[in-house]
C-alpha atoms as a PDB file:
ATOM      1  CA  UNK A   1      83.744  23.097-201.043  1.00  0.00           C
ATOM      2  CA  UNK A   2      84.085  26.796-201.735  1.00  0.00           C
ATOM      3  CA  UNK A   3      84.823  29.294-199.029  1.00  0.00           C
ATOM      4  CA  UNK A   4      83.269  32.807-199.380  1.00  0.00           C
ATOM      5  CA  UNK A   5      85.662  35.151-197.718  1.00  0.00           C
ATOM      6  CA  UNK A   6      83.697  38.382-197.749  1.00  0.00           C
ATOM      7  CA  UNK A   7      84.575  38.933-194.132  1.00  0.00           C
ATOM      8  CA  UNK A   8      88.323  38.765-194.850  1.00  0.00           C
ATOM      9  CA  UNK A   9      90.554  38.942-191.844  1.00  0.00           C
ATOM     10  CA  UNK A  10      91.085  42.502-190.757  1.00  0.00           C
ATOM     11  CA  UNK A  11      91.455  42.321-187.023  1.00  0.00           C
ATOM     12  CA  UNK A  12      91.537  44.901-184.260  1.00  0.00           C
ATOM     13  CA  UNK A  13      93.477  48.073-184.956  1.00  0.00           C
ATOM     14  CA  UNK A  14      93.466  47.210-188.684  1.00  0.00           C
ATOM     15  CA  UNK A  15      95.866  44.295-188.517  1.00  0.00           C
ATOM     16  CA  UNK A  16      95.388  41.670-191.117  1.00  0.00           C
ATOM     17  CA  UNK A  17      94.682  38.161-189.737  1.00  0.00           C
ATOM     18  CA  UNK A  18      96.701  35.211-190.786  1.00  0.00           C
ATOM     19  CA  UNK A  19      93.598  33.402-192.245  1.00  0.00           C
ATOM     20  CA  UNK A  20      90.289  34.923-193.272  1.00  0.00           C
ATOM     21  CA  UNK A  21      87.182  34.503-191.187  1.00  0.00           C
ATOM     22  CA  UNK A  22      84.517  33.122-193.513  1.00  0.00           C
ATOM     23  CA  UNK A  23      81.029  34.419-194.066  1.00  0.00           C
ATOM     24  CA  UNK A  24      79.577  31.130-195.220  1.00  0.00           C
ATOM     25  CA  UNK A  25      80.415  27.876-196.898  1.00  0.00           C
ATOM     26  CA  UNK A  26      78.800  26.782-200.100  1.00  0.00           C
ATOM     27  CA  UNK A  27      77.646  23.996-200.114  1.00  0.00           C
ATOM     28  CA  UNK A  28      77.616  22.999-196.401  1.00  0.00           C
ATOM     29  CA  UNK A  29      79.455  19.902-195.268  1.00  0.00           C
ATOM     30  CA  UNK A  30      77.609  16.676-196.126  1.00  0.00           C
ATOM     31  CA  UNK A  31      78.732  14.712-193.037  1.00  0.00           C
ATOM     32  CA  UNK A  32      80.076  15.220-189.599  1.00  0.00           C
ATOM     33  CA  UNK A  33      83.420  13.722-190.756  1.00  0.00           C
ATOM     34  CA  UNK A  34      83.629  16.427-193.476  1.00  0.00           C
ATOM     35  CA  UNK A  35      82.924  19.105-190.841  1.00  0.00           C
ATOM     36  CA  UNK A  36      85.620  17.679-188.528  1.00  0.00           C
ATOM     37  CA  UNK A  37      88.097  17.601-191.374  1.00  0.00           C
ATOM     38  CA  UNK A  38      87.248  21.186-192.338  1.00  0.00           C
ATOM     39  CA  UNK A  39      87.720  22.459-188.780  1.00  0.00           C
ATOM     40  CA  UNK A  40      90.798  20.316-188.009  1.00  0.00           C
ATOM     41  CA  UNK A  41      92.578  21.507-191.143  1.00  0.00           C
ATOM     42  CA  UNK A  42      91.942  25.109-190.153  1.00  0.00           C
ATOM     43  CA  UNK A  43      90.415  25.660-193.632  1.00  0.00           C
ATOM     44  CA  UNK A  44      87.759  27.511-191.739  1.00  0.00           C
ATOM     45  CA  UNK A  45      88.256  30.041-188.991  1.00  0.00           C
ATOM     46  CA  UNK A  46      85.392  31.226-186.728  1.00  0.00           C
ATOM     47  CA  UNK A  47      85.016  34.293-184.541  1.00  0.00           C
ATOM     48  CA  UNK A  48      85.940  33.387-180.902  1.00  0.00           C
ATOM     49  CA  UNK A  49      82.370  32.786-179.705  1.00  0.00           C
ATOM     50  CA  UNK A  50      81.523  30.646-182.666  1.00  0.00           C
ATOM     51  CA  UNK A  51      84.801  28.695-182.256  1.00  0.00           C
ATOM     52  CA  UNK A  52      83.552  27.620-178.743  1.00  0.00           C
ATOM     53  CA  UNK A  53      80.326  26.349-180.229  1.00  0.00           C
ATOM     54  CA  UNK A  54      82.316  24.495-183.041  1.00  0.00           C
ATOM     55  CA  UNK A  55      84.478  22.746-180.410  1.00  0.00           C
ATOM     56  CA  UNK A  56      81.345  21.787-178.433  1.00  0.00           C
ATOM     57  CA  UNK A  57      79.704  20.447-181.564  1.00  0.00           C
ATOM     58  CA  UNK A  58      82.649  18.130-182.269  1.00  0.00           C
ATOM     59  CA  UNK A  59      83.011  17.054-178.645  1.00  0.00           C
ATOM     60  CA  UNK A  60      79.344  16.262-178.094  1.00  0.00           C
ATOM     61  CA  UNK A  61      77.424  15.459-181.331  1.00  0.00           C
ATOM     62  CA  UNK A  62      74.478  14.130-179.368  1.00  0.00           C
ATOM     63  CA  UNK A  63      73.942  17.585-177.789  1.00  0.00           C
ATOM     64  CA  UNK A  64      73.898  19.206-181.124  1.00  0.00           C
ATOM     65  CA  UNK A  65      71.533  16.588-182.495  1.00  0.00           C
ATOM     66  CA  UNK A  66      68.937  16.906-179.699  1.00  0.00           C
ATOM     67  CA  UNK A  67      69.389  20.030-177.592  1.00  0.00           C
ATOM     68  CA  UNK A  68      67.805  23.405-178.287  1.00  0.00           C
ATOM     69  CA  UNK A  69      69.786  26.452-179.353  1.00  0.00           C
ATOM     70  CA  UNK A  70      69.134  27.855-175.866  1.00  0.00           C
ATOM     71  CA  UNK A  71      70.711  24.750-174.180  1.00  0.00           C
ATOM     72  CA  UNK A  72      73.742  24.816-176.454  1.00  0.00           C
ATOM     73  CA  UNK A  73      74.163  28.497-175.884  1.00  0.00           C
ATOM     74  CA  UNK A  74      74.038  27.989-172.105  1.00  0.00           C
ATOM     75  CA  UNK A  75      76.641  25.123-172.311  1.00  0.00           C
ATOM     76  CA  UNK A  76      79.029  27.205-174.401  1.00  0.00           C
ATOM     77  CA  UNK A  77      78.540  30.670-172.860  1.00  0.00           C
ATOM     78  CA  UNK A  78      77.419  31.968-176.248  1.00  0.00           C
ATOM     79  CA  UNK A  79      74.103  33.465-177.323  1.00  0.00           C
ATOM     80  CA  UNK A  80      71.330  31.628-179.122  1.00  0.00           C
ATOM     81  CA  UNK A  81      71.991  33.974-182.087  1.00  0.00           C
ATOM     82  CA  UNK A  82      75.663  32.721-182.149  1.00  0.00           C
ATOM     83  CA  UNK A  83      74.438  29.111-182.299  1.00  0.00           C
ATOM     84  CA  UNK A  84      72.228  29.911-185.257  1.00  0.00           C
ATOM     85  CA  UNK A  85      75.078  31.940-186.871  1.00  0.00           C
ATOM     86  CA  UNK A  86      77.381  28.877-186.530  1.00  0.00           C
ATOM     87  CA  UNK A  87      74.884  26.899-188.638  1.00  0.00           C
ATOM     88  CA  UNK A  88      74.641  29.670-191.214  1.00  0.00           C
ATOM     89  CA  UNK A  89      78.439  30.073-191.406  1.00  0.00           C
ATOM     90  CA  UNK A  90      78.634  26.427-192.305  1.00  0.00           C
ATOM     91  CA  UNK A  91      76.275  27.035-195.186  1.00  0.00           C
ATOM     92  CA  UNK A  92      73.057  25.658-193.649  1.00  0.00           C
ATOM     93  CA  UNK A  93      69.843  27.638-194.038  1.00  0.00           C
ATOM     94  CA  UNK A  94      68.878  27.040-190.437  1.00  0.00           C
ATOM     95  CA  UNK A  95      69.994  25.374-187.216  1.00  0.00           C
ATOM     96  CA  UNK A  96      67.468  22.591-187.969  1.00  0.00           C
ATOM     97  CA  UNK A  97      69.363  21.683-191.109  1.00  0.00           C
ATOM     98  CA  UNK A  98      72.659  21.491-189.125  1.00  0.00           C
ATOM     99  CA  UNK A  99      70.928  19.474-186.414  1.00  0.00           C
ATOM    100  CA  UNK A 100      69.880  16.959-189.072  1.00  0.00           C
ATOM    101  CA  UNK A 101      73.562  16.468-190.060  1.00  0.00           C
ATOM    102  CA  UNK A 102      74.305  15.469-186.447  1.00  0.00           C
ATOM    103  CA  UNK A 103      71.191  13.213-186.185  1.00  0.00           C
ATOM    104  CA  UNK A 104      72.153  11.495-189.410  1.00  0.00           C
ATOM    105  CA  UNK A 105      75.654  10.880-188.033  1.00  0.00           C
ATOM    106  CA  UNK A 106      74.242   9.320-184.891  1.00  0.00           C
ATOM    107  CA  UNK A 107      71.847   7.070-186.846  1.00  0.00           C
ATOM    108  CA  UNK A 108      74.772   5.793-189.000  1.00  0.00           C
ATOM    109  CA  UNK A 109      76.917   5.244-185.951  1.00  0.00           C
ATOM    110  CA  UNK A 110      74.108   3.086-184.445  1.00  0.00           C
ATOM    111  CA  UNK A 111      73.756   1.170-187.697  1.00  0.00           C
ATOM    112  CA  UNK A 112      70.283   2.533-188.470  1.00  0.00           C
END
């Protein structure tokens, strides 16, 4: 999995961040387990608003699988655009593609 670091970590007042904030992954994670590992290892760092969405996604996969971007935004205090941006930062072309990753995980967990 390759990280595209075009948005390298220059923070406020020109300070360099300890790890770069990514602009997108290529290719996207193939499973929820791969996504969890990526986030847990801190191989990927998100802007603060997106980080809240990422934590919500890992804590409540069913919400990510079945709720709208509006509902997820309301639960996390983020905007709908940030929810879509989260999917794109992970390398998905749309939120619907990310949603399918979570739905697939839930199907496998139920044995179907």
